[in-house]
Amino acid sequence: MVIVCDIDELLYDKNNNIKGTLKLTTKTIFKPQGYEILSDLFPKNNKPLMEQCKENYSKWYCKKILFDPHSIVEINYWTGCHEATPQGNVKIGENEFLLLH
């Protein structure tokens, strides 16, 4: 799998097991649910990030950032990777992950 994201984005697995989630799927490209996250204080390491931040759903950050390069032969990203028209064996997963910005 390939992850294409900006430095201020985080791919988040609710089950805290990205590798395990990917092993159990037949999906070839993922479009995580996008959220802008905000916090008054810098998050601490001893608590899950999503418990320390406020999140706002953002359709703009629902981007196809994770894909199998053996199945997706061309990703065809548009500016900022906010849109893509992938080609190949396209099987989209949309609820497995979150994209936090």
PDB file of N, CA and C in Angstrom:
ATOM      1  N   MET A   1       0.836  -1.189   0.000  1.00  0.00           N
ATOM      2  CA  MET A   1       0.000   0.000   0.000  1.00  0.00           C
ATOM      3  C   MET A   1       0.877   1.247   0.000  1.00  0.00           C
ATOM      4  N   VAL A   2       0.339   2.303  -0.589  1.00  0.00           N
ATOM      5  CA  VAL A   2       1.006   3.592  -0.661  1.00  0.00           C
ATOM      6  C   VAL A   2       0.112   4.614   0.037  1.00  0.00           C
ATOM      7  N   ILE A   3       0.724   5.462   0.855  1.00  0.00           N
ATOM      8  CA  ILE A   3       0.003   6.563   1.499  1.00  0.00           C
ATOM      9  C   ILE A   3       0.545   7.864   0.916  1.00  0.00           C
ATOM     10  N   VAL A   4      -0.369   8.696   0.402  1.00  0.00           N
ATOM     11  CA  VAL A   4       0.006   9.997  -0.149  1.00  0.00           C
ATOM     12  C   VAL A   4      -0.761  11.049   0.648  1.00  0.00           C
ATOM     13  N   CYS A   5      -0.040  11.715   1.565  1.00  0.00           N
ATOM     14  CA  CYS A   5      -0.717  12.745   2.353  1.00  0.00           C
ATOM     15  C   CYS A   5       0.241  13.901   2.599  1.00  0.00           C
ATOM     16  N   ASP A   6      -0.311  15.020   2.994  1.00  0.00           N
ATOM     17  CA  ASP A   6       0.472  16.202   3.310  1.00  0.00           C
ATOM     18  C   ASP A   6       1.078  16.058   4.701  1.00  0.00           C
ATOM     19  N   ILE A   7       2.086  16.840   4.993  1.00  0.00           N
ATOM     20  CA  ILE A   7       2.792  16.747   6.268  1.00  0.00           C
ATOM     21  C   ILE A   7       1.890  17.106   7.461  1.00  0.00           C
ATOM     22  N   ASP A   8       0.829  17.863   7.219  1.00  0.00           N
ATOM     23  CA  ASP A   8      -0.078  18.239   8.305  1.00  0.00           C
ATOM     24  C   ASP A   8      -1.324  17.358   8.357  1.00  0.00           C
ATOM     25  N   GLU A   9      -1.245  16.173   7.766  1.00  0.00           N
ATOM     26  CA  GLU A   9      -2.358  15.223   7.780  1.00  0.00           C
ATOM     27  C   GLU A   9      -1.927  13.929   8.459  1.00  0.00           C
ATOM     28  N   LEU A  10      -2.888  13.251   9.065  1.00  0.00           N
ATOM     29  CA  LEU A  10      -2.627  12.013   9.768  1.00  0.00           C
ATOM     30  C   LEU A  10      -3.680  10.985   9.379  1.00  0.00           C
ATOM     31  N   LEU A  11      -3.233   9.826   8.913  1.00  0.00           N
ATOM     32  CA  LEU A  11      -4.139   8.716   8.641  1.00  0.00           C
ATOM     33  C   LEU A  11      -4.378   8.010   9.966  1.00  0.00           C
ATOM     34  N   TYR A  12      -5.627   7.892  10.367  1.00  0.00           N
ATOM     35  CA  TYR A  12      -5.985   7.389  11.697  1.00  0.00           C
ATOM     36  C   TYR A  12      -6.892   6.184  11.554  1.00  0.00           C
ATOM     37  N   ASP A  13      -6.521   5.100  12.217  1.00  0.00           N
ATOM     38  CA  ASP A  13      -7.340   3.887  12.248  1.00  0.00           C
ATOM     39  C   ASP A  13      -8.014   3.799  13.616  1.00  0.00           C
ATOM     40  N   LYS A  14      -9.329   3.784  13.642  1.00  0.00           N
ATOM     41  CA  LYS A  14     -10.074   3.743  14.899  1.00  0.00           C
ATOM     42  C   LYS A  14      -9.681   2.536  15.751  1.00  0.00           C
ATOM     43  N   ASN A  15      -9.246   1.446  15.098  1.00  0.00           N
ATOM     44  CA  ASN A  15      -8.855   0.230  15.814  1.00  0.00           C
ATOM     45  C   ASN A  15      -7.368   0.211  16.160  1.00  0.00           C
ATOM     46  N   ASN A  16      -6.644   1.272  15.795  1.00  0.00           N
ATOM     47  CA  ASN A  16      -5.216   1.393  16.064  1.00  0.00           C
ATOM     48  C   ASN A  16      -4.420   0.220  15.485  1.00  0.00           C
ATOM     49  N   ASN A  17      -4.814  -0.224  14.273  1.00  0.00           N
ATOM     50  CA  ASN A  17      -4.151  -1.375  13.661  1.00  0.00           C
ATOM     51  C   ASN A  17      -4.260  -1.273  12.139  1.00  0.00           C
ATOM     52  N   ILE A  18      -3.577  -0.317  11.538  1.00  0.00           N
ATOM     53  CA  ILE A  18      -3.678  -0.105  10.093  1.00  0.00           C
ATOM     54  C   ILE A  18      -3.290  -1.365   9.328  1.00  0.00           C
ATOM     55  N   LYS A  19      -2.173  -2.004   9.709  1.00  0.00           N
ATOM     56  CA  LYS A  19      -1.743  -3.219   9.007  1.00  0.00           C
ATOM     57  C   LYS A  19      -2.793  -4.321   9.101  1.00  0.00           C
ATOM     58  N   GLY A  20      -3.361  -4.519  10.264  1.00  0.00           N
ATOM     59  CA  GLY A  20      -4.386  -5.545  10.445  1.00  0.00           C
ATOM     60  C   GLY A  20      -5.631  -5.261   9.629  1.00  0.00           C
ATOM     61  N   THR A  21      -6.053  -4.013   9.615  1.00  0.00           N
ATOM     62  CA  THR A  21      -7.218  -3.621   8.826  1.00  0.00           C
ATOM     63  C   THR A  21      -6.975  -3.893   7.346  1.00  0.00           C
ATOM     64  N   LEU A  22      -5.785  -3.562   6.862  1.00  0.00           N
ATOM     65  CA  LEU A  22      -5.461  -3.760   5.445  1.00  0.00           C
ATOM     66  C   LEU A  22      -5.375  -5.242   5.078  1.00  0.00           C
ATOM     67  N   LYS A  23      -4.912  -6.084   5.997  1.00  0.00           N
ATOM     68  CA  LYS A  23      -4.814  -7.526   5.721  1.00  0.00           C
ATOM     69  C   LYS A  23      -6.187  -8.167   5.555  1.00  0.00           C
ATOM     70  N   LEU A  24      -7.201  -7.599   6.194  1.00  0.00           N
ATOM     71  CA  LEU A  24      -8.541  -8.183   6.187  1.00  0.00           C
ATOM     72  C   LEU A  24      -9.454  -7.648   5.091  1.00  0.00           C
ATOM     73  N   THR A  25      -8.938  -6.818   4.202  1.00  0.00           N
ATOM     74  CA  THR A  25      -9.795  -6.176   3.209  1.00  0.00           C
ATOM     75  C   THR A  25      -9.465  -6.603   1.787  1.00  0.00           C
ATOM     76  N   THR A  26     -10.454  -6.462   0.920  1.00  0.00           N
ATOM     77  CA  THR A  26     -10.239  -6.673  -0.516  1.00  0.00           C
ATOM     78  C   THR A  26     -10.246  -5.332  -1.252  1.00  0.00           C
ATOM     79  N   LYS A  27     -10.356  -4.232  -0.504  1.00  0.00           N
ATOM     80  CA  LYS A  27     -10.369  -2.897  -1.106  1.00  0.00           C
ATOM     81  C   LYS A  27      -8.985  -2.569  -1.660  1.00  0.00           C
ATOM     82  N   THR A  28      -8.959  -1.795  -2.739  1.00  0.00           N
ATOM     83  CA  THR A  28      -7.684  -1.445  -3.366  1.00  0.00           C
ATOM     84  C   THR A  28      -7.341   0.040  -3.230  1.00  0.00           C
ATOM     85  N   ILE A  29      -8.313   0.832  -2.803  1.00  0.00           N
ATOM     86  CA  ILE A  29      -8.087   2.261  -2.588  1.00  0.00           C
ATOM     87  C   ILE A  29      -9.043   2.723  -1.488  1.00  0.00           C
ATOM     88  N   PHE A  30      -8.558   3.627  -0.662  1.00  0.00           N
ATOM     89  CA  PHE A  30      -9.358   4.076   0.475  1.00  0.00           C
ATOM     90  C   PHE A  30      -9.548   5.581   0.444  1.00  0.00           C
ATOM     91  N   LYS A  31     -10.770   5.981   0.789  1.00  0.00           N
ATOM     92  CA  LYS A  31     -11.125   7.395   0.887  1.00  0.00           C
ATOM     93  C   LYS A  31     -11.579   7.623   2.331  1.00  0.00           C
ATOM     94  N   PRO A  32     -10.622   7.933   3.224  1.00  0.00           N
ATOM     95  CA  PRO A  32     -10.967   8.118   4.633  1.00  0.00           C
ATOM     96  C   PRO A  32     -11.952   9.256   4.839  1.00  0.00           C
ATOM     97  N   GLN A  33     -12.672   9.191   5.944  1.00  0.00           N
ATOM     98  CA  GLN A  33     -13.536  10.288   6.355  1.00  0.00           C
ATOM     99  C   GLN A  33     -12.627  11.416   6.833  1.00  0.00           C
ATOM    100  N   GLY A  34     -12.818  12.618   6.318  1.00  0.00           N
ATOM    101  CA  GLY A  34     -11.938  13.736   6.629  1.00  0.00           C
ATOM    102  C   GLY A  34     -12.441  14.595   7.771  1.00  0.00           C
ATOM    103  N   TYR A  35     -11.532  14.973   8.649  1.00  0.00           N
ATOM    104  CA  TYR A  35     -11.859  15.829   9.787  1.00  0.00           C
ATOM    105  C   TYR A  35     -10.771  16.864  10.004  1.00  0.00           C
ATOM    106  N   GLU A  36     -11.188  18.069  10.331  1.00  0.00           N
ATOM    107  CA  GLU A  36     -10.261  19.061  10.839  1.00  0.00           C
ATOM    108  C   GLU A  36     -10.291  18.905  12.346  1.00  0.00           C
ATOM    109  N   ILE A  37      -9.111  18.832  12.961  1.00  0.00           N
ATOM    110  CA  ILE A  37      -9.065  18.669  14.416  1.00  0.00           C
ATOM    111  C   ILE A  37      -8.478  19.926  15.042  1.00  0.00           C
ATOM    112  N   LEU A  38      -9.014  20.277  16.204  1.00  0.00           N
ATOM    113  CA  LEU A  38      -8.610  21.496  16.913  1.00  0.00           C
ATOM    114  C   LEU A  38      -8.416  21.182  18.394  1.00  0.00           C
ATOM    115  N   SER A  39      -7.483  21.872  19.015  1.00  0.00           N
ATOM    116  CA  SER A  39      -7.265  21.708  20.446  1.00  0.00           C
ATOM    117  C   SER A  39      -6.724  23.015  21.004  1.00  0.00           C
ATOM    118  N   ASP A  40      -7.153  23.365  22.213  1.00  0.00           N
ATOM    119  CA  ASP A  40      -6.626  24.565  22.872  1.00  0.00           C
ATOM    120  C   ASP A  40      -5.203  24.335  23.377  1.00  0.00           C
ATOM    121  N   LEU A  41      -4.877  23.064  23.678  1.00  0.00           N
ATOM    122  CA  LEU A  41      -3.556  22.706  24.183  1.00  0.00           C
ATOM    123  C   LEU A  41      -2.921  21.672  23.262  1.00  0.00           C
ATOM    124  N   PHE A  42      -1.597  21.620  23.247  1.00  0.00           N
ATOM    125  CA  PHE A  42      -0.908  20.618  22.454  1.00  0.00           C
ATOM    126  C   PHE A  42      -1.231  19.240  23.033  1.00  0.00           C
ATOM    127  N   PRO A  43      -1.666  18.287  22.212  1.00  0.00           N
ATOM    128  CA  PRO A  43      -2.046  16.957  22.722  1.00  0.00           C
ATOM    129  C   PRO A  43      -0.890  16.243  23.428  1.00  0.00           C
ATOM    130  N   LYS A  44      -1.247  15.454  24.433  1.00  0.00           N
ATOM    131  CA  LYS A  44      -0.259  14.688  25.195  1.00  0.00           C
ATOM    132  C   LYS A  44      -0.172  13.265  24.652  1.00  0.00           C
ATOM    133  N   ASN A  45       0.960  12.632  24.855  1.00  0.00           N
ATOM    134  CA  ASN A  45       1.196  11.279  24.352  1.00  0.00           C
ATOM    135  C   ASN A  45       0.431  10.197  25.108  1.00  0.00           C
ATOM    136  N   ASN A  46      -0.005  10.466  26.321  1.00  0.00           N
ATOM    137  CA  ASN A  46      -0.598   9.420  27.149  1.00  0.00           C
ATOM    138  C   ASN A  46      -2.101   9.226  26.944  1.00  0.00           C
ATOM    139  N   LYS A  47      -2.707   9.985  26.035  1.00  0.00           N
ATOM    140  CA  LYS A  47      -4.139   9.851  25.754  1.00  0.00           C
ATOM    141  C   LYS A  47      -4.354   9.797  24.250  1.00  0.00           C
ATOM    142  N   PRO A  48      -5.357   9.039  23.800  1.00  0.00           N
ATOM    143  CA  PRO A  48      -5.653   9.015  22.360  1.00  0.00           C
ATOM    144  C   PRO A  48      -5.945  10.418  21.826  1.00  0.00           C
ATOM    145  N   LEU A  49      -5.420  10.693  20.652  1.00  0.00           N
ATOM    146  CA  LEU A  49      -5.558  12.008  20.030  1.00  0.00           C
ATOM    147  C   LEU A  49      -7.017  12.440  19.920  1.00  0.00           C
ATOM    148  N   MET A  50      -7.878  11.525  19.520  1.00  0.00           N
ATOM    149  CA  MET A  50      -9.284  11.885  19.303  1.00  0.00           C
ATOM    150  C   MET A  50     -10.020  12.205  20.600  1.00  0.00           C
ATOM    151  N   GLU A  51      -9.455  11.828  21.756  1.00  0.00           N
ATOM    152  CA  GLU A  51     -10.053  12.190  23.041  1.00  0.00           C
ATOM    153  C   GLU A  51      -9.618  13.582  23.487  1.00  0.00           C
ATOM    154  N   GLN A  52      -8.587  14.127  22.859  1.00  0.00           N
ATOM    155  CA  GLN A  52      -8.041  15.416  23.264  1.00  0.00           C
ATOM    156  C   GLN A  52      -8.405  16.558  22.318  1.00  0.00           C
ATOM    157  N   CYS A  53      -8.961  16.223  21.188  1.00  0.00           N
ATOM    158  CA  CYS A  53      -9.238  17.239  20.171  1.00  0.00           C
ATOM    159  C   CYS A  53     -10.717  17.294  19.832  1.00  0.00           C
ATOM    160  N   LYS A  54     -11.128  18.452  19.370  1.00  0.00           N
ATOM    161  CA  LYS A  54     -12.462  18.614  18.799  1.00  0.00           C
ATOM    162  C   LYS A  54     -12.327  18.331  17.316  1.00  0.00           C
ATOM    163  N   GLU A  55     -13.290  17.648  16.754  1.00  0.00           N
ATOM    164  CA  GLU A  55     -13.211  17.369  15.326  1.00  0.00           C
ATOM    165  C   GLU A  55     -14.432  17.914  14.607  1.00  0.00           C
ATOM    166  N   ASN A  56     -14.193  18.391  13.403  1.00  0.00           N
ATOM    167  CA  ASN A  56     -15.247  18.884  12.530  1.00  0.00           C
ATOM    168  C   ASN A  56     -15.134  18.147  11.213  1.00  0.00           C
ATOM    169  N   TYR A  57     -16.216  17.458  10.827  1.00  0.00           N
ATOM    170  CA  TYR A  57     -16.206  16.735   9.558  1.00  0.00           C
ATOM    171  C   TYR A  57     -15.939  17.714   8.419  1.00  0.00           C
ATOM    172  N   SER A  58     -15.118  17.281   7.463  1.00  0.00           N
ATOM    173  CA  SER A  58     -14.795  18.128   6.321  1.00  0.00           C
ATOM    174  C   SER A  58     -14.763  17.277   5.050  1.00  0.00           C
ATOM    175  N   LYS A  59     -15.727  17.481   4.200  1.00  0.00           N
ATOM    176  CA  LYS A  59     -15.753  16.761   2.924  1.00  0.00           C
ATOM    177  C   LYS A  59     -14.477  17.029   2.136  1.00  0.00           C
ATOM    178  N   TRP A  60     -13.900  18.209   2.293  1.00  0.00           N
ATOM    179  CA  TRP A  60     -12.692  18.617   1.585  1.00  0.00           C
ATOM    180  C   TRP A  60     -11.519  17.683   1.893  1.00  0.00           C
ATOM    181  N   TYR A  61     -11.497  17.102   3.093  1.00  0.00           N
ATOM    182  CA  TYR A  61     -10.396  16.222   3.491  1.00  0.00           C
ATOM    183  C   TYR A  61     -10.726  14.736   3.339  1.00  0.00           C
ATOM    184  N   CYS A  62     -11.801  14.418   2.678  1.00  0.00           N
ATOM    185  CA  CYS A  62     -12.091  13.020   2.327  1.00  0.00           C
ATOM    186  C   CYS A  62     -11.368  12.735   1.015  1.00  0.00           C
ATOM    187  N   LYS A  63     -10.086  12.381   1.134  1.00  0.00           N
ATOM    188  CA  LYS A  63      -9.227  12.243  -0.039  1.00  0.00           C
ATOM    189  C   LYS A  63      -8.762  10.793  -0.186  1.00  0.00           C
ATOM    190  N   LYS A  64      -8.643  10.343  -1.402  1.00  0.00           N
ATOM    191  CA  LYS A  64      -8.173   8.982  -1.690  1.00  0.00           C
ATOM    192  C   LYS A  64      -6.652   8.938  -1.527  1.00  0.00           C
ATOM    193  N   ILE A  65      -6.203   8.764  -0.282  1.00  0.00           N
ATOM    194  CA  ILE A  65      -4.765   8.880  -0.005  1.00  0.00           C
ATOM    195  C   ILE A  65      -4.055   7.544   0.198  1.00  0.00           C
ATOM    196  N   LEU A  66      -4.779   6.457   0.240  1.00  0.00           N
ATOM    197  CA  LEU A  66      -4.186   5.148   0.506  1.00  0.00           C
ATOM    198  C   LEU A  66      -4.629   4.191  -0.591  1.00  0.00           C
ATOM    199  N   PHE A  67      -3.645   3.589  -1.307  1.00  0.00           N
ATOM    200  CA  PHE A  67      -4.028   2.694  -2.396  1.00  0.00           C
ATOM    201  C   PHE A  67      -2.968   1.627  -2.638  1.00  0.00           C
ATOM    202  N   ASP A  68      -3.390   0.565  -3.296  1.00  0.00           N
ATOM    203  CA  ASP A  68      -2.525  -0.550  -3.674  1.00  0.00           C
ATOM    204  C   ASP A  68      -1.958  -0.252  -5.064  1.00  0.00           C
ATOM    205  N   PRO A  69      -0.646   0.009  -5.176  1.00  0.00           N
ATOM    206  CA  PRO A  69      -0.077   0.366  -6.480  1.00  0.00           C
ATOM    207  C   PRO A  69      -0.070  -0.793  -7.483  1.00  0.00           C
ATOM    208  N   HIS A  70      -0.305  -2.014  -7.018  1.00  0.00           N
ATOM    209  CA  HIS A  70      -0.379  -3.162  -7.927  1.00  0.00           C
ATOM    210  C   HIS A  70      -1.763  -3.279  -8.563  1.00  0.00           C
ATOM    211  N   SER A  71      -2.770  -2.682  -7.925  1.00  0.00           N
ATOM    212  CA  SER A  71      -4.142  -2.720  -8.438  1.00  0.00           C
ATOM    213  C   SER A  71      -4.556  -1.417  -9.114  1.00  0.00           C
ATOM    214  N   ILE A  72      -4.078  -0.310  -8.598  1.00  0.00           N
ATOM    215  CA  ILE A  72      -4.401   1.003  -9.155  1.00  0.00           C
ATOM    216  C   ILE A  72      -3.249   1.379 -10.088  1.00  0.00           C
ATOM    217  N   VAL A  73      -3.513   1.348 -11.389  1.00  0.00           N
ATOM    218  CA  VAL A  73      -2.444   1.587 -12.371  1.00  0.00           C
ATOM    219  C   VAL A  73      -2.198   3.076 -12.621  1.00  0.00           C
ATOM    220  N   GLU A  74      -3.191   3.902 -12.359  1.00  0.00           N
ATOM    221  CA  GLU A  74      -3.032   5.359 -12.478  1.00  0.00           C
ATOM    222  C   GLU A  74      -3.985   5.997 -11.485  1.00  0.00           C
ATOM    223  N   ILE A  75      -3.468   6.938 -10.679  1.00  0.00           N
ATOM    224  CA  ILE A  75      -4.293   7.561  -9.644  1.00  0.00           C
ATOM    225  C   ILE A  75      -4.997   8.822 -10.147  1.00  0.00           C
ATOM    226  N   ASN A  76      -4.382   9.557 -11.073  1.00  0.00           N
ATOM    227  CA  ASN A  76      -4.981  10.768 -11.655  1.00  0.00           C
ATOM    228  C   ASN A  76      -5.444  11.775 -10.600  1.00  0.00           C
ATOM    229  N   TYR A  77      -4.510  12.173  -9.737  1.00  0.00           N
ATOM    230  CA  TYR A  77      -4.830  13.193  -8.738  1.00  0.00           C
ATOM    231  C   TYR A  77      -5.037  14.543  -9.400  1.00  0.00           C
ATOM    232  N   TRP A  78      -5.936  15.332  -8.823  1.00  0.00           N
ATOM    233  CA  TRP A  78      -6.101  16.724  -9.187  1.00  0.00           C
ATOM    234  C   TRP A  78      -5.342  17.542  -8.142  1.00  0.00           C
ATOM    235  N   THR A  79      -5.382  18.831  -8.223  1.00  0.00           N
ATOM    236  CA  THR A  79      -4.655  19.705  -7.322  1.00  0.00           C
ATOM    237  C   THR A  79      -4.941  19.379  -5.855  1.00  0.00           C
ATOM    238  N   GLY A  80      -3.868  19.216  -5.086  1.00  0.00           N
ATOM    239  CA  GLY A  80      -3.991  18.955  -3.653  1.00  0.00           C
ATOM    240  C   GLY A  80      -4.470  17.559  -3.303  1.00  0.00           C
ATOM    241  N   CYS A  81      -4.613  16.701  -4.279  1.00  0.00           N
ATOM    242  CA  CYS A  81      -5.103  15.321  -4.077  1.00  0.00           C
ATOM    243  C   CYS A  81      -6.526  15.280  -3.511  1.00  0.00           C
ATOM    244  N   HIS A  82      -7.251  16.402  -3.603  1.00  0.00           N
ATOM    245  CA  HIS A  82      -8.612  16.427  -3.071  1.00  0.00           C
ATOM    246  C   HIS A  82      -9.580  15.660  -3.968  1.00  0.00           C
ATOM    247  N   GLU A  83      -9.205  15.465  -5.192  1.00  0.00           N
ATOM    248  CA  GLU A  83      -9.988  14.671  -6.139  1.00  0.00           C
ATOM    249  C   GLU A  83      -9.037  13.734  -6.865  1.00  0.00           C
ATOM    250  N   ALA A  84      -9.553  12.567  -7.259  1.00  0.00           N
ATOM    251  CA  ALA A  84      -8.763  11.610  -8.033  1.00  0.00           C
ATOM    252  C   ALA A  84      -9.716  10.768  -8.865  1.00  0.00           C
ATOM    253  N   THR A  85      -9.251  10.358 -10.016  1.00  0.00           N
ATOM    254  CA  THR A  85     -10.020   9.443 -10.871  1.00  0.00           C
ATOM    255  C   THR A  85      -9.128   8.230 -11.158  1.00  0.00           C
ATOM    256  N   PRO A  86      -9.062   7.314 -10.166  1.00  0.00           N
ATOM    257  CA  PRO A  86      -8.161   6.168 -10.309  1.00  0.00           C
ATOM    258  C   PRO A  86      -8.592   5.211 -11.407  1.00  0.00           C
ATOM    259  N   GLN A  87      -7.584   4.534 -11.983  1.00  0.00           N
ATOM    260  CA  GLN A  87      -7.836   3.530 -13.012  1.00  0.00           C
ATOM    261  C   GLN A  87      -7.201   2.214 -12.572  1.00  0.00           C
ATOM    262  N   GLY A  88      -7.785   1.133 -13.004  1.00  0.00           N
ATOM    263  CA  GLY A  88      -7.295  -0.195 -12.648  1.00  0.00           C
ATOM    264  C   GLY A  88      -8.386  -0.965 -11.938  1.00  0.00           C
ATOM    265  N   ASN A  89      -7.993  -1.815 -11.016  1.00  0.00           N
ATOM    266  CA  ASN A  89      -8.930  -2.604 -10.216  1.00  0.00           C
ATOM    267  C   ASN A  89      -9.368  -1.746  -9.029  1.00  0.00           C
ATOM    268  N   VAL A  90     -10.368  -0.904  -9.234  1.00  0.00           N
ATOM    269  CA  VAL A  90     -10.781   0.094  -8.247  1.00  0.00           C
ATOM    270  C   VAL A  90     -11.899  -0.469  -7.365  1.00  0.00           C
ATOM    271  N   LYS A  91     -11.557  -0.709  -6.105  1.00  0.00           N
ATOM    272  CA  LYS A  91     -12.522  -1.133  -5.085  1.00  0.00           C
ATOM    273  C   LYS A  91     -12.338  -0.193  -3.904  1.00  0.00           C
ATOM    274  N   ILE A  92     -13.250   0.768  -3.762  1.00  0.00           N
ATOM    275  CA  ILE A  92     -13.093   1.855  -2.791  1.00  0.00           C
ATOM    276  C   ILE A  92     -13.623   1.480  -1.413  1.00  0.00           C
ATOM    277  N   GLY A  93     -12.800   1.725  -0.413  1.00  0.00           N
ATOM    278  CA  GLY A  93     -13.213   1.643   0.986  1.00  0.00           C
ATOM    279  C   GLY A  93     -13.361   3.057   1.512  1.00  0.00           C
ATOM    280  N   GLU A  94     -14.459   3.335   2.233  1.00  0.00           N
ATOM    281  CA  GLU A  94     -14.702   4.710   2.665  1.00  0.00           C
ATOM    282  C   GLU A  94     -14.843   4.899   4.171  1.00  0.00           C
ATOM    283  N   ASN A  95     -14.973   3.839   4.943  1.00  0.00           N
ATOM    284  CA  ASN A  95     -15.224   4.024   6.376  1.00  0.00           C
ATOM    285  C   ASN A  95     -14.183   3.380   7.273  1.00  0.00           C
ATOM    286  N   GLU A  96     -13.129   2.841   6.694  1.00  0.00           N
ATOM    287  CA  GLU A  96     -12.131   2.129   7.478  1.00  0.00           C
ATOM    288  C   GLU A  96     -11.198   3.056   8.262  1.00  0.00           C
ATOM    289  N   PHE A  97     -10.941   4.251   7.716  1.00  0.00           N
ATOM    290  CA  PHE A  97      -9.956   5.149   8.307  1.00  0.00           C
ATOM    291  C   PHE A  97     -10.490   6.583   8.393  1.00  0.00           C
ATOM    292  N   LEU A  98      -9.766   7.389   9.159  1.00  0.00           N
ATOM    293  CA  LEU A  98     -10.026   8.827   9.238  1.00  0.00           C
ATOM    294  C   LEU A  98      -8.795   9.555   8.711  1.00  0.00           C
ATOM    295  N   LEU A  99      -9.003  10.680   8.072  1.00  0.00           N
ATOM    296  CA  LEU A  99      -7.912  11.563   7.686  1.00  0.00           C
ATOM    297  C   LEU A  99      -8.063  12.827   8.529  1.00  0.00           C
ATOM    298  N   LEU A 100      -7.094  13.045   9.418  1.00  0.00           N
ATOM    299  CA  LEU A 100      -7.152  14.174  10.325  1.00  0.00           C
ATOM    300  C   LEU A 100      -6.235  15.278   9.837  1.00  0.00           C
ATOM    301  N   HIS A 101      -6.757  16.490   9.864  1.00  0.00           N
ATOM    302  CA  HIS A 101      -5.985  17.641   9.395  1.00  0.00           C
ATOM    303  C   HIS A 101      -6.003  18.714  10.472  1.00  0.00           C
TER     304      HIS A 101
END
